[in-house]
Protein backbone atom coordinates (compact mmCIF):
# COMPACT_ATOMS: atom_id res chain seq x y z
CA MET A 1 4.36 -237.14 -143.34
CA SER A 2 2.82 -237.85 -146.73
CA LEU A 3 1.49 -241.30 -147.52
CA SER A 4 1.75 -240.37 -151.20
CA ARG A 5 5.43 -241.29 -150.83
CA ILE A 6 4.32 -244.86 -150.07
CA ARG A 7 2.70 -245.82 -153.33
CA LEU A 8 2.11 -249.43 -152.28
CA GLU A 9 -0.99 -249.10 -150.08
CA SER A 10 -0.40 -252.39 -148.26
CA LEU A 11 2.61 -250.77 -146.57
CA HIS A 12 0.70 -247.81 -145.12
CA ASN A 13 0.14 -249.68 -141.86
CA LYS A 14 3.91 -250.09 -141.39
CA VAL A 15 4.42 -246.40 -140.53
CA MET A 16 5.81 -245.89 -137.03
CA THR A 17 8.07 -243.60 -135.02
CA ALA A 18 11.86 -243.81 -135.04
CA GLU A 19 11.76 -245.02 -131.44
CA GLU A 20 9.35 -247.83 -132.34
CA ALA A 21 11.53 -248.82 -135.29
CA ALA A 22 14.65 -248.85 -133.10
CA GLN A 23 12.90 -251.38 -130.83
CA LEU A 24 12.91 -253.83 -133.75
CA ILE A 25 16.71 -253.98 -133.59
CA GLN A 26 17.75 -256.59 -131.06
CA ASP A 27 20.96 -257.18 -129.15
CA GLY A 28 23.51 -259.10 -131.22
CA MET A 29 21.92 -258.33 -134.59
CA VAL A 30 23.83 -257.57 -137.78
CA VAL A 31 22.44 -254.29 -139.10
CA GLY A 32 22.97 -252.93 -142.60
CA SER A 33 22.43 -249.22 -143.12
CA SER A 34 22.36 -246.98 -146.15
CA GLY A 35 24.85 -244.13 -146.18
CA PHE A 36 28.05 -243.38 -148.03
CA THR A 37 30.30 -240.54 -146.83
CA LYS A 38 27.50 -238.75 -144.95
CA ALA A 39 25.05 -239.05 -147.87
CA GLY A 40 21.78 -240.98 -147.81
CA ASP A 41 22.29 -242.34 -144.30
CA SER A 42 19.85 -243.18 -141.51
CA LYS A 43 18.84 -239.86 -139.97
CA VAL A 44 16.58 -240.99 -137.11
CA VAL A 45 16.41 -244.77 -136.54
CA LEU A 46 20.08 -245.34 -135.73
CA PRO A 47 20.22 -242.22 -133.51
CA ALA A 48 17.11 -243.55 -131.74
CA LEU A 49 18.92 -246.85 -131.24
CA ALA A 50 21.82 -244.93 -129.67
CA GLU A 51 19.40 -243.32 -127.20
CA ARG A 52 17.93 -246.72 -126.39
CA ALA A 53 21.40 -248.18 -125.83
CA LYS A 54 22.06 -245.62 -123.10
CA LYS A 55 19.37 -247.35 -121.01
CA GLU A 56 19.62 -251.01 -121.96
CA ASN A 57 22.22 -253.48 -123.16
CA VAL A 58 22.05 -253.64 -126.95
CA LYS A 59 25.11 -254.11 -129.13
CA ILE A 60 25.07 -254.57 -132.89
CA THR A 61 27.40 -255.24 -135.78
CA LEU A 62 26.90 -252.30 -138.14
CA MET A 63 27.62 -252.47 -141.86
CA THR A 64 27.15 -249.46 -144.13
CA GLY A 65 28.36 -248.17 -147.47
CA ALA A 66 30.95 -245.90 -145.87
CA SER A 67 30.80 -243.20 -143.16
CA LEU A 68 27.59 -241.82 -141.63
CA GLY A 69 26.61 -238.21 -141.05
CA HIS A 70 25.07 -236.28 -138.14
CA ASP A 71 27.59 -237.82 -135.68
CA THR A 72 25.59 -241.06 -135.78
CA ASP A 73 28.67 -243.30 -135.53
CA GLY A 74 29.84 -241.30 -132.54
CA LYS A 75 26.44 -241.45 -130.84
CA LEU A 76 26.27 -245.22 -131.29
CA ALA A 77 29.84 -245.71 -130.07
CA GLU A 78 29.44 -243.45 -127.05
CA ALA A 79 26.24 -245.28 -126.06
CA GLY A 80 28.02 -248.63 -126.26
CA ALA A 81 25.76 -249.82 -129.07
CA LEU A 82 28.51 -251.02 -131.40
CA LYS A 83 30.23 -254.38 -131.12
CA LYS A 84 31.72 -254.35 -134.61
CA ARG A 85 31.78 -251.82 -137.45
CA MET A 86 32.61 -252.05 -141.17
CA PRO A 87 33.76 -251.01 -143.78
CA PHE A 88 34.67 -247.31 -143.18
CA GLN A 89 34.25 -244.50 -140.63
CA VAL A 90 35.44 -240.96 -140.00
CA ASP A 91 34.02 -240.21 -136.54
CA ARG A 92 36.39 -239.09 -133.77
CA ILE A 93 34.51 -240.79 -130.92
CA LEU A 94 34.19 -244.08 -132.81
CA ARG A 95 37.84 -243.86 -133.86
CA ASN A 96 38.92 -243.56 -130.23
CA LYS A 97 36.74 -246.52 -129.24
CA ILE A 98 38.25 -248.61 -132.03
CA ASN A 99 41.80 -247.70 -131.06
CA ALA A 100 41.02 -248.48 -127.42
CA GLY A 101 39.82 -251.95 -128.46
CA GLU A 102 36.24 -251.28 -127.32
CA VAL A 103 34.76 -251.57 -130.82
CA LEU A 104 36.04 -254.04 -133.41
CA PHE A 105 36.58 -252.53 -136.86
CA ILE A 106 36.92 -254.27 -140.22
CA ASP A 107 38.75 -251.94 -142.60
CA GLN A 108 37.42 -253.27 -145.89
CA HIS A 109 37.94 -252.37 -149.54
CA LEU A 110 34.64 -250.68 -150.38
CA SER A 111 34.11 -252.80 -153.50
CA GLU A 112 34.27 -256.02 -151.46
CA ALA A 113 31.79 -255.62 -148.60
CA ALA A 114 28.76 -256.45 -150.75
CA GLU A 115 30.66 -259.26 -152.46
CA LEU A 116 31.47 -260.87 -149.11
CA LEU A 117 27.80 -260.75 -148.14
CA HIS A 118 26.64 -262.25 -151.44
CA ASN A 119 29.27 -264.98 -151.15
CA LYS A 120 28.14 -265.74 -147.56
CA ASN A 121 31.58 -264.96 -146.16
CA LEU A 122 30.05 -262.57 -143.61
CA PRO A 123 27.22 -263.15 -141.14
CA PRO A 124 23.82 -262.52 -142.76
CA VAL A 125 22.15 -259.14 -142.27
CA ASP A 126 19.30 -259.41 -139.76
CA ILE A 127 17.77 -256.01 -140.44
CA ALA A 128 18.50 -253.13 -142.80
CA VAL A 129 17.76 -249.42 -142.28
CA LEU A 130 17.56 -247.69 -145.64
CA GLU A 131 16.84 -244.07 -146.56
CA VAL A 132 14.50 -243.62 -149.54
CA ALA A 133 12.87 -240.79 -151.47
CA TYR A 134 9.73 -242.83 -152.01
CA ILE A 135 8.40 -246.37 -152.29
CA ASP A 136 6.97 -247.37 -155.66
CA ARG A 137 3.85 -249.42 -156.36
CA ASP A 138 5.81 -252.65 -156.75
CA GLY A 139 7.54 -252.23 -153.40
CA SER A 140 10.82 -251.10 -154.95
CA PHE A 141 12.23 -247.80 -153.72
CA VAL A 142 14.12 -244.79 -154.98
CA PRO A 143 17.34 -244.08 -153.03
CA THR A 144 18.29 -240.53 -152.09
CA THR A 145 21.80 -239.04 -152.34
CA SER A 146 23.75 -242.29 -152.28
CA VAL A 147 23.40 -245.92 -153.26
CA GLY A 148 26.32 -247.50 -151.41
CA ASN A 149 25.43 -251.04 -150.34
CA SER A 150 21.66 -250.43 -150.18
CA LEU A 151 20.94 -252.79 -153.07
CA THR A 152 22.73 -255.65 -151.31
CA PHE A 153 21.12 -254.91 -147.94
CA ALA A 154 17.65 -254.77 -149.54
CA SER A 155 18.28 -258.07 -151.28
CA LEU A 156 19.83 -260.03 -148.43
CA ALA A 157 18.47 -258.60 -145.16
CA LYS A 158 15.83 -260.67 -143.39
CA GLN A 159 13.89 -257.53 -142.42
CA VAL A 160 13.94 -253.91 -143.62
CA ILE A 161 13.13 -250.55 -142.06
CA LEU A 162 12.66 -247.71 -144.55
CA GLU A 163 13.27 -244.04 -143.72
CA VAL A 164 11.27 -241.90 -146.16
CA ASN A 165 13.07 -238.55 -146.30
CA MET A 166 10.68 -235.73 -147.16
CA ALA A 167 13.62 -233.32 -147.46
CA VAL A 168 14.65 -235.10 -150.66
CA SER A 169 12.59 -234.34 -153.77
CA GLU A 170 10.90 -237.20 -155.57
CA ASP A 171 12.58 -235.74 -158.65
CA VAL A 172 15.72 -237.71 -157.75
CA TYR A 173 14.04 -240.57 -159.60
CA GLY A 174 16.24 -241.37 -162.60
CA LEU A 175 19.55 -240.30 -161.03
CA HIS A 176 20.39 -243.87 -160.03
CA ASP A 177 21.63 -246.79 -162.10
CA ILE A 178 20.86 -249.92 -160.09
CA TYR A 179 22.65 -253.01 -161.35
CA GLN A 180 23.39 -256.25 -159.53
CA ALA A 181 25.99 -258.58 -161.00
CA GLU A 182 25.15 -262.27 -161.01
CA ASP A 183 26.43 -264.61 -158.30
CA TYR A 184 29.48 -266.76 -158.99
CA PRO A 185 30.10 -268.88 -161.01
CA HIS A 186 27.58 -267.35 -163.42
CA ARG A 187 28.74 -263.73 -163.37
CA ASN A 188 28.55 -261.95 -166.71
CA VAL A 189 30.46 -258.98 -168.06
CA ILE A 190 29.33 -255.66 -166.55
CA PRO A 191 28.48 -253.78 -169.79
CA ILE A 192 29.85 -250.33 -168.92
CA VAL A 193 32.35 -248.98 -171.44
CA ALA A 194 32.02 -245.26 -170.62
CA PRO A 195 31.14 -243.37 -167.40
CA TRP A 196 27.78 -242.24 -168.81
CA ASN A 197 26.52 -245.74 -169.71
CA LYS A 198 23.42 -246.69 -167.73
CA ILE A 199 22.80 -250.42 -167.58
CA GLY A 200 20.35 -251.02 -164.73
CA ARG A 201 17.02 -249.95 -163.31
CA LYS A 202 16.03 -246.69 -161.62
CA THR A 203 14.76 -248.20 -158.37
CA ILE A 204 16.05 -250.77 -155.89
CA PRO A 205 13.87 -253.92 -155.82
CA LEU A 206 12.52 -254.97 -152.45
CA ASP A 207 10.17 -257.71 -151.30
CA PRO A 208 7.40 -255.79 -149.48
CA ASN A 209 6.99 -258.68 -147.05
CA LYS A 210 10.40 -257.82 -145.58
CA VAL A 211 9.31 -254.32 -144.57
CA VAL A 212 8.71 -254.20 -140.81
CA GLY A 213 8.69 -250.45 -140.34
CA ILE A 214 8.51 -247.16 -142.23
CA VAL A 215 9.65 -243.91 -140.61
CA PHE A 216 9.28 -240.41 -142.04
CA THR A 217 12.07 -237.84 -141.75
CA ASP A 218 12.78 -234.38 -143.13
CA ILE A 219 16.49 -234.04 -142.32
CA LYS A 220 19.05 -233.21 -144.98
CA ASP A 221 22.45 -234.89 -145.23
CA SER A 222 25.26 -233.57 -143.09
CA PRO A 223 27.10 -231.01 -145.21
CA ALA A 224 30.64 -231.80 -146.28
CA ASP A 225 33.47 -229.92 -144.63
CA ILE A 226 34.91 -227.93 -147.52
CA ALA A 227 38.17 -226.06 -147.06
CA ALA A 228 39.42 -223.54 -149.58
CA PRO A 229 42.68 -224.54 -151.29
CA ASP A 230 45.70 -223.40 -149.28
CA GLU A 231 49.32 -222.99 -150.37
CA LYS A 232 50.17 -226.67 -149.92
CA THR A 233 47.11 -228.10 -151.64
CA SER A 234 47.43 -225.55 -154.43
CA ASN A 235 51.04 -226.59 -154.99
CA ILE A 236 50.03 -230.25 -155.11
CA ALA A 237 47.37 -229.41 -157.70
CA LYS A 238 49.91 -227.38 -159.70
CA HIS A 239 52.38 -230.28 -159.80
CA ILE A 240 49.68 -232.72 -160.95
CA LEU A 241 48.36 -230.42 -163.67
CA GLU A 242 51.89 -229.81 -164.98
CA PHE A 243 52.42 -233.56 -165.05
CA PHE A 244 49.20 -234.06 -167.06
CA GLU A 245 50.19 -231.30 -169.48
CA ASN A 246 53.50 -233.03 -170.08
CA GLU A 247 51.77 -236.37 -170.61
CA VAL A 248 49.70 -234.70 -173.32
CA LYS A 249 52.84 -233.29 -174.96
CA LEU A 250 54.36 -236.78 -174.94
CA GLY A 251 51.25 -238.19 -176.61
CA HIS A 252 50.35 -240.41 -173.64
CA LEU A 253 47.06 -238.58 -173.02
CA THR A 254 44.79 -236.14 -174.84
CA ASP A 255 43.38 -232.85 -173.53
CA ARG A 256 40.32 -234.84 -172.43
CA LEU A 257 42.58 -237.05 -170.27
CA LEU A 258 40.86 -240.26 -169.06
CA PRO A 259 38.07 -240.62 -166.47
CA LEU A 260 39.13 -239.16 -163.13
CA GLN A 261 38.72 -240.54 -159.63
CA ALA A 262 39.54 -238.46 -156.58
CA GLY A 263 39.35 -239.37 -152.92
CA ILE A 264 37.31 -237.24 -150.56
CA GLY A 265 38.77 -234.26 -148.72
CA LYS A 266 40.38 -230.88 -149.18
CA VAL A 267 43.37 -232.12 -151.20
CA ALA A 268 41.16 -233.88 -153.73
CA ASN A 269 38.89 -230.84 -153.93
CA ALA A 270 41.89 -228.57 -154.53
CA VAL A 271 43.27 -230.82 -157.26
CA LEU A 272 39.94 -230.99 -159.07
CA THR A 273 39.36 -227.27 -158.61
CA GLY A 274 42.68 -226.68 -160.37
CA PHE A 275 41.20 -228.05 -163.59
CA LYS A 276 38.93 -224.98 -163.87
CA ASP A 277 41.83 -222.83 -165.04
CA SER A 278 43.55 -225.52 -167.11
CA ASN A 279 43.56 -226.29 -170.83
CA PHE A 280 41.77 -229.61 -170.28
CA TYR A 281 38.16 -229.97 -171.40
CA ASP A 282 35.30 -232.45 -171.82
CA LEU A 283 36.53 -234.27 -168.72
CA THR A 284 34.69 -237.18 -167.12
CA MET A 285 34.71 -238.81 -163.69
CA PHE A 286 34.28 -242.41 -162.59
CA SER A 287 34.64 -242.15 -158.84
CA GLU A 288 33.08 -243.00 -155.48
CA VAL A 289 31.98 -239.58 -154.24
CA LEU A 290 31.01 -236.38 -156.03
CA GLN A 291 32.13 -233.28 -154.13
CA ASP A 292 31.68 -229.54 -154.61
CA SER A 293 34.54 -229.44 -157.09
CA THR A 294 32.69 -231.90 -159.34
CA PHE A 295 29.74 -229.58 -159.76
CA ASP A 296 31.98 -226.51 -160.00
CA LEU A 297 33.69 -228.18 -162.95
CA ILE A 298 30.32 -229.04 -164.49
CA ASP A 299 29.23 -225.40 -164.10
CA SER A 300 32.49 -224.20 -165.68
CA GLY A 301 31.95 -226.45 -168.70
CA LYS A 302 35.13 -228.44 -168.01
CA LEU A 303 33.40 -231.63 -166.85
CA SER A 304 30.79 -233.28 -169.03
CA PHE A 305 29.76 -236.31 -166.92
CA ALA A 306 30.40 -237.87 -163.51
CA SER A 307 29.62 -241.34 -162.14
CA ALA A 308 29.87 -242.23 -158.44
CA SER A 309 28.05 -243.86 -155.52
CA SER A 310 27.18 -240.73 -153.54
CA VAL A 311 26.97 -236.94 -153.54
CA THR A 312 28.69 -235.39 -150.51
CA VAL A 313 28.76 -231.61 -150.80
CA SER A 314 28.50 -228.38 -148.83
CA GLN A 315 25.09 -226.95 -147.99
CA GLU A 316 25.43 -224.32 -150.72
CA CYS A 317 26.28 -226.92 -153.35
CA TYR A 318 23.52 -229.26 -152.14
CA ASP A 319 20.93 -226.53 -152.58
CA ARG A 320 22.37 -225.58 -155.95
CA VAL A 321 22.29 -229.13 -157.34
CA PHE A 322 19.16 -230.63 -155.79
CA GLY A 323 17.27 -227.38 -156.11
CA ASN A 324 17.96 -227.37 -159.84
CA LEU A 325 17.99 -231.02 -160.86
CA ALA A 326 16.77 -230.27 -164.37
CA LYS A 327 20.16 -228.69 -165.04
CA TYR A 328 22.25 -231.51 -163.61
CA ARG A 329 20.30 -234.77 -164.01
CA ASP A 330 21.93 -235.67 -167.34
CA LYS A 331 25.39 -234.82 -165.98
CA PHE A 332 25.80 -237.46 -163.25
CA VAL A 333 24.68 -240.90 -162.10
CA LEU A 334 24.80 -242.77 -158.77
CA ARG A 335 25.53 -246.52 -158.67
CA PRO A 336 26.00 -249.31 -156.08
CA GLN A 337 29.52 -249.13 -154.69
CA ASN A 338 30.41 -252.62 -155.89
CA ILE A 339 29.85 -251.16 -159.39
CA SER A 340 31.43 -247.73 -158.90
CA ASN A 341 34.47 -249.40 -157.33
CA THR A 342 34.63 -252.67 -159.23
CA PRO A 343 38.22 -253.45 -160.30
CA GLY A 344 37.33 -254.66 -163.79
CA LEU A 345 35.60 -251.40 -164.72
CA ILE A 346 38.42 -249.30 -163.27
CA ARG A 347 40.90 -251.18 -165.45
CA ARG A 348 38.64 -251.15 -168.53
CA LEU A 349 37.92 -247.42 -168.39
CA GLY A 350 41.54 -246.46 -167.74
CA ILE A 351 40.86 -244.45 -164.60
CA ILE A 352 43.28 -241.79 -163.39
CA ALA A 353 43.08 -242.26 -159.61
CA ILE A 354 44.13 -239.51 -157.20
CA ASN A 355 44.05 -240.49 -153.52
CA THR A 356 45.44 -239.16 -150.26
CA ALA A 357 48.24 -240.71 -148.22
CA ILE A 358 49.04 -240.21 -144.55
CA GLU A 359 52.67 -241.05 -145.34
CA PHE A 360 54.79 -242.84 -147.91
CA ASP A 361 58.32 -244.18 -147.89
CA ILE A 362 61.30 -243.86 -150.18
CA TYR A 363 60.30 -246.92 -152.20
CA GLY A 364 56.70 -245.83 -152.79
CA ASN A 365 54.80 -247.85 -150.20
CA VAL A 366 51.79 -245.87 -148.97
CA ASN A 367 50.08 -245.74 -145.59
CA SER A 368 46.63 -244.20 -145.93
CA THR A 369 44.94 -245.48 -142.75
CA HIS A 370 47.11 -245.57 -139.62
CA ILE A 371 48.89 -243.07 -137.38
CA SER A 372 52.22 -244.37 -136.11
CA GLY A 373 51.45 -247.84 -137.37
CA SER A 374 48.73 -248.82 -134.91
CA LYS A 375 46.01 -246.19 -134.57
CA ILE A 376 43.35 -246.22 -137.29
CA MET A 377 42.41 -242.85 -138.76
CA ASN A 378 39.46 -243.49 -141.09
CA GLY A 379 40.03 -246.53 -143.27
CA ILE A 380 41.22 -247.59 -146.70
CA GLY A 381 37.89 -246.75 -148.32
CA GLY A 382 38.02 -247.24 -152.06
CA SER A 383 41.60 -246.13 -152.57
CA GLY A 384 42.81 -249.72 -152.86
CA ASP A 385 40.14 -250.59 -155.42
CA PHE A 386 41.37 -247.77 -157.63
CA ALA A 387 45.12 -247.85 -156.89
CA ARG A 388 45.61 -251.47 -157.88
CA ASN A 389 43.62 -251.18 -161.12
CA ALA A 390 44.00 -247.60 -162.37
CA TYR A 391 45.68 -246.46 -165.58
CA LEU A 392 47.54 -244.03 -163.33
CA SER A 393 47.67 -244.46 -159.56
CA ILE A 394 48.55 -241.13 -157.90
CA PHE A 395 48.94 -240.52 -154.15
CA VAL A 396 49.25 -237.08 -152.61
CA THR A 397 50.17 -235.68 -149.20
CA GLN A 398 51.95 -232.70 -147.70
CA ALA A 399 55.70 -233.13 -147.34
CA ALA A 400 55.70 -232.13 -143.67
CA SER A 401 53.20 -230.92 -141.08
CA LYS A 402 52.83 -229.68 -137.49
CA GLU A 403 55.39 -226.88 -137.93
CA ASN A 404 57.43 -229.38 -139.95
CA LYS A 405 57.89 -231.63 -136.93
CA ILE A 406 56.41 -234.54 -138.88
CA SER A 407 57.77 -235.68 -142.23
CA HIS A 408 55.27 -237.51 -144.42
CA VAL A 409 58.07 -239.08 -146.48
CA LEU A 410 59.95 -241.68 -144.44
CA PRO A 411 62.54 -244.45 -144.60
CA MET A 412 59.74 -247.00 -144.10
CA VAL A 413 56.00 -246.51 -143.60
CA SER A 414 54.61 -247.62 -140.26
CA HIS A 415 51.70 -249.42 -141.95
CA VAL A 416 51.25 -250.49 -145.58
CA ASP A 417 47.93 -250.11 -147.40
CA HIS A 418 49.24 -249.73 -150.96
CA THR A 419 52.48 -251.43 -151.88
CA GLU A 420 55.06 -249.88 -154.18
CA HIS A 421 53.71 -252.16 -156.94
CA ASP A 422 50.41 -250.26 -156.99
CA VAL A 423 51.80 -246.71 -156.94
CA ASP A 424 52.76 -244.81 -160.10
CA ILE A 425 53.02 -241.18 -159.03
CA LEU A 426 53.73 -239.56 -155.65
CA VAL A 427 53.10 -235.85 -155.06
CA THR A 428 53.74 -233.47 -152.19
CA ASP A 429 53.66 -229.70 -152.08
CA ILE A 430 57.42 -229.87 -152.77
CA GLY A 431 57.19 -231.78 -156.05
CA LEU A 432 56.21 -234.89 -158.00
CA ALA A 433 57.96 -238.25 -158.45
CA ASP A 434 57.06 -240.38 -161.48
CA LEU A 435 57.92 -243.94 -160.42
CA ARG A 436 56.87 -245.78 -163.55
CA GLY A 437 59.54 -248.04 -164.97
CA LEU A 438 61.94 -247.49 -162.08
CA ALA A 439 63.73 -250.09 -159.96
CA PRO A 440 63.61 -249.66 -156.16
CA ARG A 441 66.90 -247.74 -155.91
CA GLU A 442 65.82 -245.41 -158.72
CA ARG A 443 62.44 -244.87 -157.08
CA ALA A 444 64.06 -243.95 -153.78
CA GLN A 445 66.36 -241.34 -155.29
CA ASN A 446 63.52 -239.87 -157.34
CA ILE A 447 61.34 -239.52 -154.24
CA ILE A 448 64.15 -238.00 -152.16
CA ASP A 449 64.99 -235.49 -154.89
CA ASN A 450 61.42 -234.40 -155.59
CA CYS A 451 59.05 -234.99 -152.68
CA VAL A 452 60.89 -234.57 -149.37
CA HIS A 453 60.71 -231.42 -147.26
CA PRO A 454 64.11 -229.65 -147.19
CA ASP A 455 64.38 -230.12 -143.40
CA TYR A 456 64.50 -233.89 -143.88
CA ARG A 457 66.17 -234.39 -147.25
CA GLU A 458 69.76 -234.64 -146.01
CA GLU A 459 68.96 -237.21 -143.32
CA LEU A 460 66.83 -239.28 -145.69
CA GLN A 461 69.61 -239.22 -148.28
CA SER A 462 72.06 -240.39 -145.63
CA TYR A 463 69.77 -243.26 -144.66
CA PHE A 464 69.44 -244.35 -148.28
CA ASP A 465 73.18 -244.07 -149.02
CA ARG A 466 74.12 -246.13 -145.98
CA ALA A 467 71.43 -248.71 -146.77
CA CYS A 468 72.76 -249.03 -150.32
CA ALA A 469 76.26 -249.58 -148.97
CA ARG A 470 74.92 -252.50 -146.96
CA GLY A 471 73.26 -253.90 -150.09
CA GLY A 472 70.00 -255.44 -151.17
CA HIS A 473 67.43 -255.07 -153.92
CA THR A 474 65.42 -252.76 -151.65
CA PRO A 475 68.10 -251.46 -149.27
CA HIS A 476 67.09 -250.82 -145.65
CA LEU A 477 68.70 -250.34 -142.27
CA LEU A 478 66.19 -252.27 -140.18
CA GLU A 479 67.58 -250.92 -136.92
CA GLU A 480 66.82 -247.38 -138.16
CA ALA A 481 63.79 -247.91 -140.40
CA PHE A 482 61.25 -246.79 -137.77
CA SER A 483 63.56 -244.45 -135.86
CA TRP A 484 61.73 -241.38 -137.15
CA HIS A 485 58.43 -242.65 -135.75
CA MET A 486 60.11 -243.53 -132.46
CA ARG A 487 61.69 -240.07 -132.27
CA LEU A 488 58.29 -238.49 -132.82
CA ALA A 489 56.77 -240.56 -130.02
CA GLU A 490 59.58 -239.69 -127.64
CA THR A 491 60.20 -236.02 -128.44
CA GLY A 492 57.19 -234.79 -130.40
CA SER A 493 59.26 -234.28 -133.53
CA MET A 494 60.87 -236.41 -136.23
CA LYS A 495 63.80 -234.04 -136.45
CA LYS A 496 67.13 -234.97 -134.88
């Protein structure tokens, strides 16, 4: 513990243990927590609440930026401490509780959670738990490895608990661009016209009178699970890079492309990694999360600047970046997620969005959240923010999985997150379908020809041909549309 990290002396008497801070959270409260894809989350107070919930009845509604690290969501769920959760999660235990109906889950576009709070369309936040690098003399604080919804929670919560993380250097000051748009109907233009524009302040303002507890920690973020590119992800990356190269030849793009956004995970990492050996240069990113591949591209000289809301990387990359901030601090910026994901900026900057699908159908509708139509996987995250507004909306997935027993290209998706109207390009390890300017029947044939695993192409073609014979603008055989999902449930395979 170092009180030098609390530069406002009147707050020194607020220091307490994590267990004491957890006692301030009462049954039925709405709790806002920092944290965005494992970065900058509560390391000790929420876990202490989970321990408390094992012994007494305390259930909360928990709002965050996105997912939490260190199995915190799972600990809270297993202890019965969660009544409702939003807007995103990735934890297996919590996922099972949600699908069993034991925890209510609001799967929210990440750009909208803060907006709903500001517009009073959600219950007010009773108490916020926010990780900080240090507290400044005016009571404002410097966030750590994410911003997420911390600005909104600090502004709107009735009370605030601060976790001062000693494992994060105070040198992170200056990495953040903290900007809050005005409330309606007086909202002004957000003056960002390039990813590197900084328009806000370096700290998050906070009324010191709201602070009811300060806890010290020295725990690093949970490291990201990074998988090396495999044959399928490498093929997906190859198809996308070839597509970009052709767009350059056609004069639609330059070798600098446009700002990139990529969802989190091994496919996104593989796609971005593929740029290292490409002819593209001076690339930029305007995304939600910066992963290992972002900093690999910076190190290779291919990427000049990246904007996001969090840094979620492996332990090696974390040490490389935050142990050498002088090298990287002018190469990236972290913003509130209702800025990093705001639709107007995505449209203005002409973002090329690359996100992951669980499955898509022959007309281009994408399911990115549910297994077999009813069981939530993680959530929509920011993919909808980007897909609807991007210059190019690209979705990727493997053509088939589980020894090819599951096709990820189907007659009809079992759940729709992104309609065909918001999808420009679909890519599997088999190939790429450019859907721009195509009518539904043209889209279907393009997808069947280019994206479907060979084991399923003949049957999918038969479905489409017979549907066309029946007629319709978007031909379907409703009695067969979900037969592949039903076959999987009954036999363990989609194959006939």
